[in-house]
Amino acid sequence: MFKLDDDFLQSIGLGALPEDQKQPMLQHIYETLELRVGMKLAEQMTDTQLDEFEGYIDRKDDAGALTWLESNFPHYKQVVAEELEKLKAEISASAAMILESSANGSASNDQFASAA
């Protein structure tokens, strides 16, 4: 699928982030992607499907949620890929601002959140 790591940060123009900011940034990107994909898929779900899927999430059953998605929304990987590309473009467009804030010691995930 995809891997959120130093190479990913390099590819979106954030390879120069200080080491102590890389992992929090990757975590924020992951959470943002997860939220966007979830919202996109939820738009396509019936109320019953939404209840079923939320049940897996509420139980923190990631494996069950993944299996459910694979059987009910086999195109979900395409949704992930599309949303990831959108997110990458947004972050890349704001990379200079994020790095500048980082260099000034004021970087936070809020900088990214306003860019994404």
N, C-alpha and C. Protein backbone atom coordinates (compact mmCIF):
# COMPACT_ATOMS: atom_id res chain seq x y z
N MET A 1 0.84 -1.16 0.00
CA MET A 1 0.00 0.00 0.00
C MET A 1 0.90 1.25 0.00
N PHE A 2 1.15 1.86 1.14
CA PHE A 2 2.02 3.02 1.24
C PHE A 2 2.70 2.97 2.59
N LYS A 3 3.79 3.70 2.69
CA LYS A 3 4.55 3.69 3.92
C LYS A 3 4.85 5.13 4.33
N LEU A 4 4.46 5.47 5.55
CA LEU A 4 4.75 6.80 6.08
C LEU A 4 6.06 6.73 6.85
N ASP A 5 7.10 7.27 6.23
CA ASP A 5 8.43 7.22 6.82
C ASP A 5 9.25 8.40 6.33
N ASP A 6 10.56 8.37 6.57
CA ASP A 6 11.43 9.47 6.14
C ASP A 6 11.37 9.68 4.63
N ASP A 7 11.30 8.60 3.87
CA ASP A 7 11.22 8.72 2.42
C ASP A 7 9.94 9.46 2.02
N PHE A 8 8.85 9.16 2.72
CA PHE A 8 7.59 9.86 2.44
C PHE A 8 7.75 11.35 2.71
N LEU A 9 8.34 11.69 3.86
CA LEU A 9 8.55 13.10 4.19
C LEU A 9 9.42 13.78 3.13
N GLN A 10 10.45 13.09 2.66
CA GLN A 10 11.30 13.63 1.59
C GLN A 10 10.47 13.92 0.34
N SER A 11 9.59 12.98 0.00
CA SER A 11 8.80 13.10 -1.23
C SER A 11 7.82 14.27 -1.20
N ILE A 12 7.44 14.73 -0.01
CA ILE A 12 6.49 15.85 0.08
C ILE A 12 7.18 17.14 0.52
N GLY A 13 8.51 17.12 0.54
CA GLY A 13 9.26 18.34 0.84
C GLY A 13 9.50 18.61 2.31
N LEU A 14 9.28 17.60 3.15
CA LEU A 14 9.48 17.80 4.60
C LEU A 14 10.64 16.98 5.16
N GLY A 15 11.54 16.58 4.31
CA GLY A 15 12.67 15.79 4.77
C GLY A 15 13.58 16.55 5.71
N ALA A 16 13.56 17.87 5.66
CA ALA A 16 14.44 18.69 6.50
C ALA A 16 13.84 18.99 7.87
N LEU A 17 12.69 18.42 8.17
CA LEU A 17 12.13 18.62 9.51
C LEU A 17 13.11 18.12 10.56
N PRO A 18 13.19 18.79 11.71
CA PRO A 18 14.03 18.26 12.79
C PRO A 18 13.56 16.86 13.18
N GLU A 19 14.49 16.04 13.59
CA GLU A 19 14.18 14.64 13.92
C GLU A 19 13.04 14.52 14.93
N ASP A 20 13.02 15.41 15.92
CA ASP A 20 11.99 15.31 16.96
C ASP A 20 10.60 15.70 16.47
N GLN A 21 10.51 16.24 15.26
CA GLN A 21 9.22 16.61 14.70
C GLN A 21 8.73 15.66 13.62
N LYS A 22 9.59 14.77 13.17
CA LYS A 22 9.21 13.88 12.08
C LYS A 22 8.12 12.89 12.49
N GLN A 23 8.31 12.21 13.58
CA GLN A 23 7.31 11.21 13.98
C GLN A 23 5.96 11.84 14.30
N PRO A 24 5.92 12.95 15.04
CA PRO A 24 4.61 13.60 15.26
C PRO A 24 3.95 14.03 13.94
N MET A 25 4.75 14.50 12.99
CA MET A 25 4.18 14.90 11.70
C MET A 25 3.63 13.68 10.96
N LEU A 26 4.36 12.59 10.95
CA LEU A 26 3.88 11.36 10.30
C LEU A 26 2.60 10.86 10.96
N GLN A 27 2.54 10.94 12.27
CA GLN A 27 1.34 10.52 12.99
C GLN A 27 0.16 11.40 12.62
N HIS A 28 0.39 12.69 12.53
CA HIS A 28 -0.68 13.62 12.17
C HIS A 28 -1.16 13.36 10.73
N ILE A 29 -0.24 13.10 9.84
CA ILE A 29 -0.60 12.79 8.45
C ILE A 29 -1.44 11.52 8.41
N TYR A 30 -1.03 10.50 9.14
CA TYR A 30 -1.78 9.25 9.19
C TYR A 30 -3.20 9.48 9.71
N GLU A 31 -3.31 10.21 10.80
CA GLU A 31 -4.63 10.46 11.39
C GLU A 31 -5.52 11.28 10.45
N THR A 32 -4.93 12.24 9.77
CA THR A 32 -5.69 13.05 8.81
C THR A 32 -6.17 12.18 7.65
N LEU A 33 -5.28 11.34 7.14
CA LEU A 33 -5.65 10.44 6.06
C LEU A 33 -6.76 9.48 6.49
N GLU A 34 -6.61 8.92 7.68
CA GLU A 34 -7.61 7.99 8.20
C GLU A 34 -8.98 8.68 8.31
N LEU A 35 -9.00 9.89 8.80
CA LEU A 35 -10.24 10.64 8.94
C LEU A 35 -10.87 10.92 7.57
N ARG A 36 -10.06 11.36 6.63
CA ARG A 36 -10.59 11.68 5.30
C ARG A 36 -11.12 10.44 4.59
N VAL A 37 -10.40 9.34 4.68
CA VAL A 37 -10.86 8.10 4.04
C VAL A 37 -12.15 7.64 4.71
N GLY A 38 -12.19 7.70 6.02
CA GLY A 38 -13.39 7.30 6.75
C GLY A 38 -14.59 8.13 6.35
N MET A 39 -14.41 9.43 6.21
CA MET A 39 -15.51 10.30 5.82
C MET A 39 -15.96 9.99 4.39
N LYS A 40 -15.01 9.77 3.51
CA LYS A 40 -15.34 9.47 2.12
C LYS A 40 -16.13 8.17 2.02
N LEU A 41 -15.68 7.15 2.74
CA LEU A 41 -16.38 5.86 2.70
C LEU A 41 -17.74 5.96 3.39
N ALA A 42 -17.82 6.71 4.47
CA ALA A 42 -19.07 6.84 5.20
C ALA A 42 -20.15 7.47 4.32
N GLU A 43 -19.74 8.35 3.42
CA GLU A 43 -20.70 8.97 2.49
C GLU A 43 -21.38 7.93 1.61
N GLN A 44 -20.70 6.81 1.39
CA GLN A 44 -21.20 5.78 0.49
C GLN A 44 -21.92 4.65 1.23
N MET A 45 -21.93 4.69 2.55
CA MET A 45 -22.51 3.61 3.35
C MET A 45 -23.98 3.87 3.67
N THR A 46 -24.73 2.79 3.75
CA THR A 46 -26.09 2.88 4.27
C THR A 46 -25.99 3.04 5.78
N ASP A 47 -27.08 3.39 6.42
CA ASP A 47 -27.07 3.52 7.88
C ASP A 47 -26.68 2.20 8.55
N THR A 48 -27.16 1.09 8.00
CA THR A 48 -26.84 -0.22 8.56
C THR A 48 -25.36 -0.51 8.43
N GLN A 49 -24.80 -0.23 7.26
CA GLN A 49 -23.37 -0.45 7.05
C GLN A 49 -22.54 0.43 7.98
N LEU A 50 -22.97 1.66 8.13
CA LEU A 50 -22.26 2.58 9.00
C LEU A 50 -22.26 2.08 10.44
N ASP A 51 -23.40 1.58 10.89
CA ASP A 51 -23.49 1.02 12.24
C ASP A 51 -22.56 -0.18 12.40
N GLU A 52 -22.54 -1.06 11.40
CA GLU A 52 -21.68 -2.25 11.45
C GLU A 52 -20.21 -1.83 11.53
N PHE A 53 -19.82 -0.93 10.65
CA PHE A 53 -18.43 -0.52 10.60
C PHE A 53 -18.03 0.20 11.89
N GLU A 54 -18.89 1.09 12.39
CA GLU A 54 -18.58 1.79 13.63
C GLU A 54 -18.44 0.83 14.80
N GLY A 55 -19.16 -0.29 14.74
CA GLY A 55 -19.03 -1.31 15.78
C GLY A 55 -17.60 -1.84 15.86
N TYR A 56 -17.01 -2.09 14.70
CA TYR A 56 -15.61 -2.54 14.68
C TYR A 56 -14.68 -1.47 15.25
N ILE A 57 -14.93 -0.24 14.85
CA ILE A 57 -14.08 0.86 15.31
C ILE A 57 -14.22 1.04 16.83
N ASP A 58 -15.46 1.01 17.32
CA ASP A 58 -15.70 1.17 18.76
C ASP A 58 -15.02 0.08 19.57
N ARG A 59 -14.96 -1.13 19.01
CA ARG A 59 -14.31 -2.25 19.70
C ARG A 59 -12.80 -2.27 19.48
N LYS A 60 -12.32 -1.28 18.71
CA LYS A 60 -10.90 -1.21 18.36
C LYS A 60 -10.43 -2.50 17.66
N ASP A 61 -11.33 -3.05 16.85
CA ASP A 61 -11.06 -4.28 16.10
C ASP A 61 -10.60 -3.90 14.69
N ASP A 62 -9.34 -3.51 14.58
CA ASP A 62 -8.81 -3.07 13.28
C ASP A 62 -8.86 -4.18 12.24
N ALA A 63 -8.54 -5.39 12.64
CA ALA A 63 -8.56 -6.52 11.71
C ALA A 63 -9.98 -6.77 11.21
N GLY A 64 -10.94 -6.71 12.11
CA GLY A 64 -12.34 -6.90 11.72
C GLY A 64 -12.82 -5.79 10.81
N ALA A 65 -12.43 -4.56 11.11
CA ALA A 65 -12.81 -3.41 10.28
C ALA A 65 -12.23 -3.56 8.88
N LEU A 66 -10.98 -3.99 8.80
CA LEU A 66 -10.34 -4.18 7.51
C LEU A 66 -11.03 -5.28 6.70
N THR A 67 -11.32 -6.39 7.35
CA THR A 67 -12.03 -7.48 6.67
C THR A 67 -13.40 -7.01 6.20
N TRP A 68 -14.09 -6.25 7.04
CA TRP A 68 -15.41 -5.74 6.68
C TRP A 68 -15.31 -4.82 5.47
N LEU A 69 -14.30 -3.93 5.47
CA LEU A 69 -14.11 -3.03 4.33
C LEU A 69 -13.82 -3.81 3.05
N GLU A 70 -12.95 -4.82 3.16
CA GLU A 70 -12.59 -5.60 1.98
C GLU A 70 -13.80 -6.29 1.36
N SER A 71 -14.72 -6.73 2.19
CA SER A 71 -15.89 -7.43 1.64
C SER A 71 -17.01 -6.48 1.23
N ASN A 72 -17.16 -5.35 1.90
CA ASN A 72 -18.25 -4.43 1.60
C ASN A 72 -17.87 -3.28 0.67
N PHE A 73 -16.61 -2.91 0.70
CA PHE A 73 -16.11 -1.82 -0.14
C PHE A 73 -14.76 -2.21 -0.74
N PRO A 74 -14.79 -3.15 -1.69
CA PRO A 74 -13.52 -3.64 -2.24
C PRO A 74 -12.68 -2.54 -2.89
N HIS A 75 -13.27 -1.40 -3.21
CA HIS A 75 -12.54 -0.29 -3.81
C HIS A 75 -11.91 0.64 -2.77
N TYR A 76 -11.96 0.26 -1.50
CA TYR A 76 -11.48 1.18 -0.46
C TYR A 76 -10.01 1.54 -0.64
N LYS A 77 -9.21 0.63 -1.19
CA LYS A 77 -7.78 0.94 -1.39
C LYS A 77 -7.62 2.07 -2.40
N GLN A 78 -8.51 2.12 -3.38
CA GLN A 78 -8.48 3.20 -4.35
C GLN A 78 -8.83 4.53 -3.67
N VAL A 79 -9.79 4.49 -2.76
CA VAL A 79 -10.16 5.69 -2.00
C VAL A 79 -8.96 6.15 -1.18
N VAL A 80 -8.26 5.22 -0.54
CA VAL A 80 -7.07 5.56 0.24
C VAL A 80 -6.02 6.20 -0.66
N ALA A 81 -5.78 5.61 -1.82
CA ALA A 81 -4.77 6.13 -2.74
C ALA A 81 -5.14 7.54 -3.22
N GLU A 82 -6.40 7.76 -3.55
CA GLU A 82 -6.84 9.08 -4.00
C GLU A 82 -6.70 10.14 -2.91
N GLU A 83 -7.13 9.79 -1.71
CA GLU A 83 -7.04 10.75 -0.61
C GLU A 83 -5.59 11.02 -0.24
N LEU A 84 -4.73 10.00 -0.31
CA LEU A 84 -3.32 10.19 -0.02
C LEU A 84 -2.69 11.15 -1.03
N GLU A 85 -3.03 11.00 -2.29
CA GLU A 85 -2.49 11.90 -3.32
C GLU A 85 -2.94 13.34 -3.08
N LYS A 86 -4.18 13.53 -2.71
CA LYS A 86 -4.68 14.88 -2.41
C LYS A 86 -3.92 15.46 -1.22
N LEU A 87 -3.75 14.66 -0.19
CA LEU A 87 -3.06 15.11 1.02
C LEU A 87 -1.61 15.45 0.72
N LYS A 88 -0.95 14.61 -0.06
CA LYS A 88 0.44 14.88 -0.44
C LYS A 88 0.56 16.20 -1.18
N ALA A 89 -0.37 16.47 -2.08
CA ALA A 89 -0.33 17.72 -2.84
C ALA A 89 -0.51 18.92 -1.91
N GLU A 90 -1.45 18.80 -0.97
CA GLU A 90 -1.69 19.90 -0.03
C GLU A 90 -0.47 20.16 0.84
N ILE A 91 0.13 19.09 1.33
CA ILE A 91 1.30 19.25 2.20
C ILE A 91 2.48 19.80 1.41
N SER A 92 2.70 19.26 0.21
CA SER A 92 3.80 19.73 -0.63
C SER A 92 3.69 21.23 -0.90
N ALA A 93 2.46 21.68 -1.15
CA ALA A 93 2.24 23.11 -1.41
C ALA A 93 2.55 23.97 -0.19
N SER A 94 2.47 23.39 0.98
CA SER A 94 2.71 24.13 2.23
C SER A 94 4.03 23.77 2.89
N ALA A 95 4.83 22.95 2.24
CA ALA A 95 6.06 22.45 2.86
C ALA A 95 6.99 23.57 3.31
N ALA A 96 7.16 24.57 2.47
CA ALA A 96 8.08 25.67 2.82
C ALA A 96 7.61 26.38 4.09
N MET A 97 6.31 26.62 4.19
CA MET A 97 5.77 27.28 5.37
C MET A 97 5.96 26.41 6.61
N ILE A 98 5.71 25.12 6.47
CA ILE A 98 5.87 24.19 7.60
C ILE A 98 7.33 24.16 8.06
N LEU A 99 8.25 24.08 7.10
CA LEU A 99 9.67 24.04 7.45
C LEU A 99 10.13 25.36 8.08
N GLU A 100 9.62 26.47 7.58
CA GLU A 100 9.98 27.77 8.15
C GLU A 100 9.50 27.86 9.60
N SER A 101 8.29 27.45 9.84
CA SER A 101 7.77 27.45 11.21
C SER A 101 8.59 26.53 12.10
N SER A 102 8.99 25.41 11.54
CA SER A 102 9.79 24.44 12.27
C SER A 102 11.14 25.05 12.65
N ALA A 103 11.75 25.76 11.72
CA ALA A 103 13.06 26.37 11.96
C ALA A 103 12.96 27.48 13.01
N ASN A 104 11.79 28.12 13.06
CA ASN A 104 11.59 29.20 14.05
C ASN A 104 11.19 28.66 15.41
N GLY A 105 11.07 27.35 15.49
CA GLY A 105 10.73 26.74 16.77
C GLY A 105 9.26 26.80 17.11
N SER A 106 8.46 27.20 16.15
CA SER A 106 7.03 27.32 16.45
C SER A 106 6.21 26.31 15.69
N ALA A 107 6.86 25.32 15.10
CA ALA A 107 6.12 24.34 14.31
C ALA A 107 5.27 23.47 15.20
N SER A 108 4.14 23.17 14.69
CA SER A 108 3.25 22.24 15.38
C SER A 108 2.37 21.61 14.33
N ASN A 109 1.63 20.63 14.75
CA ASN A 109 0.71 20.01 13.82
C ASN A 109 -0.38 20.98 13.40
N ASP A 110 -0.57 22.06 14.17
CA ASP A 110 -1.56 23.06 13.78
C ASP A 110 -1.14 23.74 12.49
N GLN A 111 0.17 23.92 12.28
CA GLN A 111 0.65 24.49 11.02
C GLN A 111 0.20 23.62 9.87
N PHE A 112 0.36 22.31 10.04
CA PHE A 112 -0.03 21.38 8.99
C PHE A 112 -1.54 21.38 8.85
N ALA A 113 -2.26 21.38 9.96
CA ALA A 113 -3.71 21.30 9.92
C ALA A 113 -4.29 22.46 9.14
N SER A 114 -3.70 23.63 9.28
CA SER A 114 -4.24 24.76 8.54
C SER A 114 -3.88 24.67 7.06
N ALA A 115 -2.84 23.93 6.75
CA ALA A 115 -2.43 23.77 5.35
C ALA A 115 -3.21 22.65 4.67
N ALA A 116 -3.60 21.66 5.43
CA ALA A 116 -4.23 20.48 4.83
C ALA A 116 -5.72 20.54 4.81
